Protein backbone atom coordinates (compact mmCIF):
# COMPACT_ATOMS: atom_id res chain seq x y z
CA MET A 1 14.77 57.76 -19.98
CA GLU A 2 13.08 57.71 -16.82
CA LYS A 3 9.09 58.75 -16.66
CA ARG A 4 7.66 60.52 -13.02
CA LEU A 5 4.09 59.21 -13.01
CA ASP A 6 1.79 62.06 -13.51
CA VAL A 7 -1.08 60.93 -11.17
CA SER A 8 -3.53 64.24 -12.38
CA ASN A 9 -2.98 63.17 -15.95
CA HIS A 10 -3.23 59.79 -15.68
CA GLY A 11 0.73 59.40 -16.69
CA GLN A 12 2.61 56.54 -18.07
CA TYR A 13 5.27 55.06 -16.19
CA SER A 14 8.64 52.90 -17.77
CA GLN A 15 8.74 48.79 -16.80
CA THR A 16 12.10 49.47 -15.18
CA THR A 17 11.65 52.31 -12.68
CA CYS A 18 9.21 54.96 -11.61
CA LEU A 19 9.20 57.93 -9.03
CA CYS A 20 5.95 59.51 -8.35
CA GLN A 21 5.47 62.88 -8.58
CA HIS A 22 4.06 63.38 -4.76
CA CYS A 23 6.89 61.67 -2.49
CA GLY A 24 9.59 61.39 -4.97
CA THR A 25 10.61 58.04 -3.61
CA PRO A 26 10.53 54.49 -6.17
CA PHE A 27 6.94 53.38 -7.04
CA CYS A 28 6.52 51.06 -4.10
CA ASN A 29 3.41 49.61 -2.70
CA ALA A 30 2.92 52.13 -0.49
CA CYS A 31 3.90 54.89 -2.91
CA ARG A 32 0.87 53.23 -5.21
CA LEU A 33 -1.64 53.95 -2.58
CA CYS A 34 0.33 57.72 -2.25
CA CYS A 35 -0.50 57.68 -5.91
CA ILE A 36 -4.35 56.09 -5.88
CA VAL A 37 -5.04 58.89 -3.38
CA ALA A 38 -3.73 61.91 -5.14
CA LEU A 39 -5.45 59.98 -8.21
CA VAL A 40 -9.06 60.53 -6.37
CA GLY A 41 -8.61 63.58 -4.85
CA THR A 42 -7.36 65.55 -8.01
CA GLY A 43 -8.78 63.72 -10.64
CA ILE A 44 -12.15 62.98 -9.52
CA PHE A 45 -13.36 65.47 -7.47
CA SER A 46 -11.32 68.21 -8.39
CA GLN A 47 -13.64 68.35 -11.46
CA TYR A 48 -15.89 69.95 -9.19
CA LYS A 49 -13.52 72.65 -8.25
CA GLY A 50 -14.02 76.55 -9.41
CA LEU A 51 -17.94 76.26 -9.72
CA ARG A 52 -19.87 79.47 -8.66
CA LYS A 53 -19.90 79.26 -4.61
CA GLU A 54 -23.99 79.52 -5.05
CA LEU A 55 -23.78 76.13 -6.22
CA TYR A 56 -21.95 74.62 -3.11
CA ILE A 57 -25.00 76.16 -0.84
CA LEU A 58 -27.16 74.63 -2.97
CA LEU A 59 -25.49 71.44 -2.69
CA ILE A 60 -25.24 71.40 1.87
CA GLY A 61 -28.95 72.39 1.50
CA ARG A 62 -29.83 69.47 -0.66
CA ILE A 63 -27.59 67.22 1.71
CA MET A 64 -29.64 68.97 4.66
CA THR A 65 -33.00 67.97 3.27
CA ASN A 66 -32.92 64.50 2.37
CA MET A 67 -30.65 63.63 5.45
CA GLY A 68 -34.44 63.42 6.96
CA SER A 69 -36.19 62.41 3.47
CA MET A 70 -38.15 59.53 5.10
CA ILE A 71 -41.29 59.33 3.51
CA TRP A 72 -41.74 59.19 0.06
CA PRO A 73 -39.49 55.78 -0.14
CA MET A 74 -42.15 54.42 2.08
CA PHE A 75 -44.84 55.83 0.99
CA THR A 76 -46.57 53.12 -1.26
CA LEU A 77 -45.97 50.91 1.80
CA ILE A 78 -47.53 53.83 3.97
CA LEU A 79 -50.60 53.12 1.90
CA ASN A 80 -50.40 49.30 1.53
CA GLN A 81 -49.59 48.50 4.97
CA LYS A 82 -50.59 51.37 7.26
CA LEU A 83 -53.71 52.20 5.18
CA GLY A 84 -54.64 48.90 3.46
CA LEU A 85 -54.86 50.06 -0.11
CA ASN A 86 -54.20 47.53 -2.86
CA ALA A 87 -51.68 48.29 -5.74
CA THR A 88 -54.97 49.52 -8.16
CA VAL A 89 -56.17 51.80 -5.27
CA ILE A 90 -52.43 53.31 -5.02
CA ALA A 91 -51.55 53.92 -8.41
CA ALA A 92 -55.35 55.57 -8.46
CA CYS A 93 -54.11 57.89 -5.69
CA VAL A 94 -50.64 59.01 -7.18
CA MET A 95 -52.60 59.66 -10.54
CA ILE A 96 -54.81 62.09 -8.63
CA TYR A 97 -52.08 63.74 -6.93
CA SER A 98 -50.47 63.97 -9.94
CA MET A 99 -53.40 65.53 -12.32
CA VAL A 100 -53.76 67.72 -9.16
CA SER A 101 -49.87 68.65 -9.53
CA LEU A 102 -50.14 69.71 -13.26
CA PRO A 103 -51.24 72.97 -12.76
CA ILE A 104 -49.46 73.68 -9.52
CA SER A 105 -45.89 72.34 -11.87
CA LEU A 106 -47.05 74.93 -14.87
CA ILE A 107 -47.68 77.65 -11.66
CA GLY A 108 -43.95 77.35 -10.82
CA GLY A 109 -42.19 77.07 -13.75
CA LYS A 110 -44.03 80.58 -14.63
CA LEU A 111 -43.48 81.65 -11.38
CA ALA A 112 -39.65 81.01 -11.57
CA ASP A 113 -39.58 83.11 -15.07
CA ARG A 114 -40.42 85.96 -13.38
CA LEU A 115 -39.96 86.30 -9.60
CA ASN A 116 -37.02 85.62 -7.36
CA LYS A 117 -36.47 82.20 -7.27
CA LYS A 118 -34.54 81.60 -4.00
CA ASN A 119 -37.45 83.55 -2.62
CA ILE A 120 -39.91 80.93 -3.83
CA ILE A 121 -37.54 78.07 -2.97
CA VAL A 122 -37.96 79.76 0.88
CA VAL A 123 -41.91 80.51 0.81
CA CYS A 124 -42.73 76.93 -0.30
CA ASP A 125 -40.25 75.26 2.30
CA LEU A 126 -42.09 76.81 5.18
CA VAL A 127 -45.21 75.53 3.89
CA SER A 128 -43.82 72.30 4.03
CA ILE A 129 -41.80 72.48 7.04
CA ALA A 130 -45.52 73.28 8.76
CA SER A 131 -47.32 70.00 7.04
CA PHE A 132 -44.34 67.91 8.33
CA ILE A 133 -44.92 68.74 11.68
CA TYR A 134 -48.63 68.65 11.59
CA CYS A 135 -48.02 64.89 10.46
CA ALA A 136 -45.87 63.79 13.20
CA LEU A 137 -48.46 65.48 16.06
CA VAL A 138 -51.39 62.90 14.65
CA PRO A 139 -51.93 59.52 13.87
CA VAL A 140 -51.61 58.50 10.15
CA THR A 141 -54.74 58.65 8.20
CA ILE A 142 -56.32 59.54 5.28
CA SER A 143 -56.20 63.28 6.32
CA SER A 144 -52.65 63.69 7.42
CA ILE A 145 -51.69 61.82 4.28
CA ILE A 146 -53.51 64.49 2.29
CA VAL A 147 -51.55 67.29 4.15
CA PHE A 148 -48.29 65.56 3.44
CA SER A 149 -49.60 65.80 0.10
CA VAL A 150 -49.92 69.17 -0.04
CA ALA A 151 -46.42 69.99 1.19
CA SER A 152 -45.33 67.93 -2.01
CA LEU A 153 -47.38 70.26 -3.86
CA PHE A 154 -45.15 73.38 -2.64
CA GLN A 155 -42.09 71.04 -2.86
CA THR A 156 -44.05 70.63 -6.97
CA VAL A 157 -44.15 74.34 -7.15
CA GLU A 158 -40.59 75.35 -6.04
CA TRP A 159 -38.91 72.54 -8.11
CA PRO A 160 -38.71 74.64 -11.09
CA SER A 161 -36.84 77.02 -9.76
CA TYR A 162 -34.60 74.81 -7.90
CA ASP A 163 -33.30 73.04 -11.13
CA ALA A 164 -32.91 76.40 -13.08
CA LEU A 165 -30.54 78.16 -10.09
CA VAL A 166 -28.76 75.26 -10.87
CA ALA A 167 -28.36 76.16 -14.76
CA ASP A 168 -28.49 79.74 -13.77
CA PHE A 169 -25.26 79.48 -11.57
CA SER A 170 -23.64 77.59 -13.75
CA THR A 171 -22.14 77.97 -17.67
CA SER A 172 -22.96 75.90 -20.74
CA ARG A 173 -19.43 74.24 -20.50
CA ASP A 174 -19.73 73.12 -16.53
CA ARG A 175 -23.51 72.38 -16.78
CA GLU A 176 -22.94 68.11 -16.42
CA LYS A 177 -20.54 69.28 -13.54
CA ALA A 178 -23.10 71.18 -11.84
CA TYR A 179 -25.95 68.92 -12.23
CA SER A 180 -23.58 66.17 -11.16
CA LEU A 181 -22.73 67.66 -7.89
CA SER A 182 -26.65 68.41 -7.06
CA TYR A 183 -27.48 64.94 -7.54
CA LEU A 184 -24.32 63.93 -5.45
CA GLY A 185 -25.48 65.82 -2.43
CA ALA A 186 -28.71 65.05 -2.66
CA ASN A 187 -27.87 61.62 -2.49
CA LEU A 188 -25.45 61.97 0.41
CA GLY A 189 -28.39 62.95 2.13
CA LEU A 190 -30.03 59.96 1.56
CA VAL A 191 -27.41 57.14 2.02
CA LEU A 192 -29.14 56.77 5.71
CA SER A 193 -32.73 58.05 5.71
CA PRO A 194 -34.39 55.16 3.98
CA THR A 195 -32.95 52.46 6.23
CA LEU A 196 -33.40 54.28 9.21
CA ALA A 197 -37.23 54.84 7.73
CA GLY A 198 -37.39 51.50 7.22
CA PHE A 199 -36.78 50.73 11.03
CA LEU A 200 -38.94 53.86 11.85
CA PHE A 201 -41.74 52.09 9.83
CA ASN A 202 -43.60 49.47 12.03
CA ASN A 203 -43.77 51.60 15.21
CA HIS A 204 -42.74 55.14 15.62
CA LEU A 205 -43.47 56.56 12.16
CA ASN A 206 -44.50 59.88 13.06
CA LEU A 207 -40.79 60.62 14.19
CA ALA A 208 -39.96 60.39 10.64
CA PHE A 209 -42.06 62.89 9.46
CA LEU A 210 -40.50 65.46 12.14
CA ILE A 211 -37.01 64.70 11.03
CA ASN A 212 -38.27 65.48 8.10
CA GLY A 213 -39.90 69.13 8.77
CA ILE A 214 -36.36 70.13 10.51
CA ALA A 215 -34.11 68.84 7.89
CA ILE A 216 -36.17 70.98 5.29
CA ALA A 217 -36.21 73.61 8.13
CA LEU A 218 -32.39 73.53 8.40
CA SER A 219 -31.94 74.05 4.75
CA THR A 220 -34.19 76.66 4.27
CA VAL A 221 -32.34 78.40 7.06
CA LEU A 222 -28.89 77.90 4.80
CA ILE A 223 -30.57 78.91 1.44
CA PHE A 224 -32.43 82.07 3.20
CA PHE A 225 -29.02 83.71 4.37
CA ARG A 226 -26.34 82.39 2.11
CA ILE A 227 -27.94 82.86 -0.85
CA LYS A 228 -27.82 86.81 -1.95
CA ASP A 229 -26.49 86.77 -5.34
CA VAL A 230 -29.39 84.77 -7.32
CA HIS A 231 -28.15 86.37 -11.06
CA ARG A 232 -27.71 84.54 -13.74
CA GLU A 233 -23.67 83.15 -15.04
CA LYS A 234 -22.43 84.95 -17.90
CA ASP A 235 -21.47 82.37 -20.84
CA GLU A 236 -20.03 83.18 -24.42
CA GLY A 237 -19.45 81.06 -27.32
CA THR A 238 -21.01 78.97 -29.69
CA ARG A 239 -22.37 76.64 -27.00
CA SER A 240 -24.26 79.72 -25.30
CA ASP A 241 -25.96 81.08 -28.91
CA TYR A 242 -28.73 78.56 -28.17
CA GLU A 243 -29.43 79.87 -24.63
CA ALA A 244 -30.16 83.86 -25.64
CA ASP A 245 -33.28 84.79 -24.73
CA LEU A 246 -36.52 84.79 -26.25
CA ASP A 247 -39.03 87.15 -26.54
CA SER A 248 -41.58 86.89 -23.19
CA LYS A 249 -44.47 86.89 -25.82
CA VAL A 250 -43.14 83.29 -27.10
CA SER A 251 -45.00 80.79 -25.11
CA ALA A 252 -43.17 77.38 -23.70
CA PHE A 253 -45.51 75.41 -25.56
CA SER A 254 -44.63 77.03 -29.48
CA TYR A 255 -40.74 76.54 -28.66
CA ILE A 256 -41.87 72.91 -27.87
CA CYS A 257 -43.64 72.28 -30.58
CA ARG A 258 -41.14 73.56 -32.57
CA ASN A 259 -38.24 72.13 -31.51
CA ARG A 260 -38.12 68.23 -32.26
CA VAL A 261 -35.42 67.40 -30.28
CA VAL A 262 -36.68 69.06 -27.16
CA TRP A 263 -40.54 67.82 -27.62
CA LEU A 264 -38.86 63.82 -28.34
CA PHE A 265 -36.50 64.24 -25.03
CA ILE A 266 -39.60 65.34 -23.20
CA LEU A 267 -41.67 62.74 -25.00
CA ALA A 268 -38.51 60.26 -23.56
CA SER A 269 -38.16 61.83 -20.08
CA ALA A 270 -42.39 60.93 -19.55
CA LEU A 271 -41.41 57.28 -21.09
CA ALA A 272 -38.37 56.88 -18.28
CA SER A 273 -40.13 58.72 -15.33
CA GLY A 274 -43.18 56.10 -15.49
CA VAL A 275 -40.06 53.13 -16.29
CA TYR A 276 -38.24 54.45 -12.64
CA SER A 277 -40.95 55.20 -10.67
CA MET A 278 -41.24 51.13 -10.16
CA TYR A 279 -38.14 51.76 -7.68
CA ASN A 280 -40.79 53.01 -5.55
CA TYR A 281 -43.66 51.30 -6.58
CA LEU A 282 -43.45 47.76 -7.91
CA MET A 283 -40.53 46.89 -6.11
CA PRO A 284 -41.57 47.66 -2.49
CA LEU A 285 -44.55 45.85 -3.13
CA ASP A 286 -42.82 42.99 -4.52
CA MET A 287 -40.48 43.00 -1.04
CA GLY A 288 -43.89 43.63 0.58
CA ILE A 289 -45.50 40.49 -0.69
CA THR A 290 -42.31 38.19 -1.00
CA TYR A 291 -40.34 38.96 2.81
CA ALA A 292 -43.58 40.21 4.65
CA GLU A 293 -42.49 42.39 7.49
CA ARG A 294 -38.84 41.79 6.59
CA GLY A 295 -39.58 43.36 3.61
CA SER A 296 -40.12 47.19 4.44
CA VAL A 297 -36.35 46.91 6.40
CA LEU A 298 -35.11 45.46 3.64
CA PHE A 299 -36.24 47.58 0.71
CA GLY A 300 -35.27 50.37 2.95
CA SER A 301 -31.40 48.95 2.75
CA MET A 302 -31.91 48.60 -0.71
CA THR A 303 -32.42 52.35 -0.99
CA SER A 304 -29.42 53.29 1.19
CA VAL A 305 -27.09 50.86 -0.96
CA ASN A 306 -28.78 53.18 -3.82
CA CYS A 307 -27.66 56.10 -2.40
CA ILE A 308 -24.29 54.60 -1.82
CA VAL A 309 -23.59 53.47 -4.90
CA VAL A 310 -24.68 57.27 -6.06
CA VAL A 311 -22.35 58.85 -3.64
CA THR A 312 -19.23 56.39 -4.47
CA CYS A 313 -19.66 56.54 -8.30
CA THR A 314 -21.37 59.56 -9.24
CA ALA A 315 -18.14 61.80 -9.79
CA VAL A 316 -16.00 58.81 -10.65
CA ILE A 317 -19.14 58.28 -13.65
CA THR A 318 -18.98 62.08 -14.61
CA LYS A 319 -14.79 62.04 -14.69
CA LEU A 320 -14.33 58.91 -16.84
CA PHE A 321 -17.80 59.17 -19.22
CA SER A 322 -16.60 63.24 -19.42
CA LYS A 323 -16.31 62.58 -23.68
CA LEU A 324 -19.25 60.89 -24.16
CA ARG A 325 -22.53 62.38 -25.39
CA GLU A 326 -25.38 63.35 -23.39
CA ALA A 327 -27.50 61.33 -25.53
CA GLY A 328 -25.42 58.46 -25.50
CA LYS A 329 -25.14 58.42 -21.47
CA MET A 330 -29.30 58.55 -21.65
CA LEU A 331 -29.10 55.11 -24.11
CA VAL A 332 -26.59 53.46 -21.50
CA GLY A 333 -28.54 54.73 -18.41
CA GLU A 334 -31.75 53.32 -19.85
CA SER A 335 -29.96 50.24 -20.73
CA LEU A 336 -28.60 49.69 -17.22
CA ILE A 337 -31.85 50.31 -15.24
CA LEU A 338 -33.94 47.69 -17.35
CA LEU A 339 -31.18 45.36 -16.71
CA GLY A 340 -31.69 46.15 -13.17
CA TYR A 341 -35.29 45.23 -13.47
CA LEU A 342 -34.63 41.89 -15.32
CA ILE A 343 -32.43 40.66 -12.29
CA PHE A 344 -34.88 41.94 -9.97
CA LEU A 345 -37.64 40.21 -11.42
CA LEU A 346 -35.74 36.98 -11.85
CA PHE A 347 -33.65 37.33 -8.57
CA ILE A 348 -36.41 38.54 -5.89
CA ARG A 349 -36.29 35.46 -3.49
CA THR A 350 -32.78 36.15 -3.54
CA PRO A 351 -31.50 38.88 -0.82
CA TRP A 352 -28.10 39.38 -2.21
CA LEU A 353 -29.06 39.02 -5.26
CA CYS A 354 -31.67 41.90 -4.89
CA PHE A 355 -28.61 43.95 -4.12
CA VAL A 356 -26.97 43.31 -6.97
CA ALA A 357 -30.30 44.75 -8.92
CA ILE A 358 -30.55 48.10 -7.04
CA THR A 359 -26.78 48.56 -7.87
CA VAL A 360 -27.09 47.54 -11.81
CA PHE A 361 -30.27 49.99 -11.43
CA THR A 362 -28.39 53.13 -9.53
CA PHE A 363 -25.55 52.90 -12.40
CA GLY A 364 -27.93 53.64 -14.94
CA GLU A 365 -29.90 56.15 -12.84
CA ILE A 366 -26.51 58.24 -12.21
CA PHE A 367 -26.20 58.00 -16.57
CA ASN A 368 -29.70 59.34 -16.86
CA THR A 369 -29.04 62.10 -13.84
CA ILE A 370 -25.83 63.46 -15.34
CA SER A 371 -26.97 63.56 -18.75
CA SER A 372 -30.23 64.77 -18.92
CA SER A 373 -30.64 67.76 -17.45
CA PRO A 374 -27.52 69.30 -18.96
CA PHE A 375 -28.63 67.94 -22.51
CA LEU A 376 -32.42 70.22 -22.03
CA THR A 377 -30.51 73.07 -20.59
CA ARG A 378 -28.18 73.47 -23.43
CA ARG A 379 -31.17 73.57 -25.67
CA ILE A 380 -33.69 76.24 -24.40
CA PRO A 381 -33.35 79.78 -24.18
CA ALA A 382 -32.65 80.73 -20.21
CA SER A 383 -35.67 83.20 -20.53
CA HIS A 384 -37.92 80.26 -20.75
CA ARG A 385 -36.36 78.03 -18.53
CA GLY A 386 -38.81 77.28 -15.81
CA ARG A 387 -41.61 77.42 -17.67
CA ILE A 388 -40.33 74.27 -20.29
CA LEU A 389 -38.97 72.42 -17.34
CA ALA A 390 -42.46 72.65 -15.58
CA VAL A 391 -44.12 71.55 -19.07
CA MET A 392 -41.68 68.64 -18.77
CA ASN A 393 -42.11 67.54 -15.11
CA VAL A 394 -46.42 67.76 -16.07
CA PHE A 395 -45.21 65.59 -19.00
CA CYS A 396 -43.39 63.04 -16.61
CA GLY A 397 -46.12 63.30 -13.79
CA LEU A 398 -49.24 62.21 -16.02
CA SER A 399 -46.88 59.54 -17.72
CA GLY A 400 -45.79 57.81 -14.06
CA SER A 401 -48.68 58.03 -13.05
CA GLY A 402 -50.54 56.74 -16.28
CA ILE A 403 -47.86 54.17 -16.24
CA GLN A 404 -48.31 53.19 -12.69
CA LEU A 405 -51.89 52.95 -12.71
CA LEU A 406 -51.40 50.47 -15.74
CA THR A 407 -49.03 48.39 -14.02
CA GLY A 408 -50.91 48.57 -10.60
CA TRP A 409 -54.02 46.67 -12.57
CA LEU A 410 -51.98 44.09 -14.66
CA TYR A 411 -50.46 43.85 -11.15
CA ASP A 412 -53.52 43.35 -9.81
CA THR A 413 -54.99 40.95 -12.24
CA SER A 414 -52.38 39.15 -13.74
CA GLY A 415 -49.50 39.05 -11.47
CA SER A 416 -45.56 40.82 -10.67
CA ARG A 417 -44.32 39.34 -14.14
CA THR A 418 -46.60 40.90 -16.34
CA ALA A 419 -46.54 44.28 -14.68
CA TRP A 420 -42.31 44.15 -14.58
CA LEU A 421 -42.53 42.77 -18.68
CA SER A 422 -44.66 45.80 -19.29
CA ILE A 423 -42.17 47.98 -18.00
CA ILE A 424 -39.46 46.54 -19.67
CA ALA A 425 -40.79 46.93 -23.39
CA ILE A 426 -42.12 50.62 -22.57
CA GLY A 427 -38.22 51.16 -21.44
CA VAL A 428 -37.32 49.30 -24.89
CA LEU A 429 -39.74 51.82 -26.47
CA GLU A 430 -37.81 54.52 -24.44
CA LEU A 431 -34.87 53.91 -26.30
CA VAL A 432 -35.57 53.81 -29.71
CA ILE A 433 -36.72 57.26 -29.29
CA ILE A 434 -33.82 58.49 -27.58
CA ALA A 435 -31.93 56.99 -30.63
CA VAL A 436 -33.83 59.10 -32.88
CA MET A 437 -33.74 62.22 -30.74
CA ALA A 438 -29.72 61.64 -30.63
CA GLY A 439 -29.78 61.64 -34.93
CA PHE A 440 -31.64 65.27 -35.09
CA ASP A 441 -29.45 66.68 -32.29
CA ARG A 442 -26.60 65.98 -34.14
CA ARG A 443 -27.59 67.61 -36.87
CA ASP A 444 -29.59 70.87 -35.12
CA TYR A 445 -27.27 71.71 -32.63
CA PRO A 446 -23.70 71.45 -34.10
CA GLY A 447 -22.30 73.97 -31.81
CA LEU A 448 -23.23 70.84 -28.90
CA ASN A 449 -22.11 67.90 -31.06
CA GLY A 450 -18.33 68.86 -31.40
CA MET A 451 -18.87 70.18 -35.04
CA ALA A 452 -17.81 73.94 -35.86
CA ALA A 453 -20.38 76.08 -36.99
CA ALA A 454 -18.35 76.67 -40.46
CA GLU A 455 -18.92 73.19 -41.08
CA THR A 456 -22.63 73.68 -41.93
CA THR A 457 -24.82 75.59 -44.24
CA GLU A 458 -25.98 77.57 -41.77
CA PRO A 459 -24.86 79.92 -39.01
CA ALA A 460 -24.43 78.25 -35.24
CA GLY A 461 -27.32 79.98 -34.33
CA SER A 462 -30.21 79.46 -36.70
CA ALA A 463 -29.52 75.55 -35.97
CA GLY A 464 -32.83 76.09 -33.35
CA PRO A 465 -36.50 75.38 -33.45
CA ASP A 466 -37.50 78.98 -34.44
CA ASP A 467 -36.22 78.32 -38.37
CA ARG A 468 -38.16 75.16 -38.65
């Protein structure tokens, strides 16, 4: 009996004859192309259909903002080549910034749980816009970098609100798709900006500051006028039980301390933050030393490749690995990041292999990003999202700056290879922590791991931290 190719469900076809469901003709080469296009359209990007409209507005806002994001990818090079700072001093500057941002991040989390999240984003963006325009009008000096850091601190204040809105606008079942879409939008805007920043770096850096400010302004106007409803999406079922509100008197720290899965996740994320930060720290330093003036252009191009891979592969990976549990995705992601670093370390003098390294690294980044935020937000009370996300941000900032300080010292005293090997060792430790966390997660959150609540000796809602 003749079978039709159902491209929407990855159907099979017979060895004799096949008719395309979309055009009804025999399965010729032209029809084959038709099926491939239909499969991509209906099977990959259709997974983002049906989400709340505010998520699409946040998507466009992130695209606009990141289209002008030209400073952070070049920040290490600015401190090194424009201001003449060495690796150790750069790491110390980053650590000082991180220390200042600790209370700022906690304040941002507190505000996110108490005030209108949209208004927090808009106010913080206005300060950032003014700071970027100021930096565009003055020469690049320590003073202008301090003003830029102030803008970044206000971005830190708004981050818990932005991240919590993605969770608020999605159900537990759609959480991974919502964060995948947000991540995809962020990188759509970053496809060309790092390469353009590489060309502007030497002679027109002030223009990069101006473009960044304009991009944030466009995003702010969109969010202010188009997002009207900020109420939390209603969620039902066993999955949502873990997100039930807690008494406001319960602090974020006490909740984290009682929940072994959450604190292990935060510990792993802190180490991951330090490992990932080498992408914008050791990588540009090595590229600058190895390729001199070409280093900024090559690294800008590598950053654009990173964004292109994210844009073209995020939806595909989200779809193909939707059945893989979040902890499994995190293990795959961190392994690929470490492999990318190893390729970079071994073949840095071969430009095309540097691009292979960044591609492998980016696959790991995608796996980590689409799994980490959904993992955490599905396991914490919605009433405490902002504060817990802020606490995690604090630990990630501390770890990132501490690891940068360590690797900066190793870089200056023992060379690049020693610094990179220390990062790989930290990444291996992170993999061990994730594996231990995954074991506890299967026991503590059966409703999120494909296990019926009836199969446990406790009711579904009792697997949380309050009973430990």
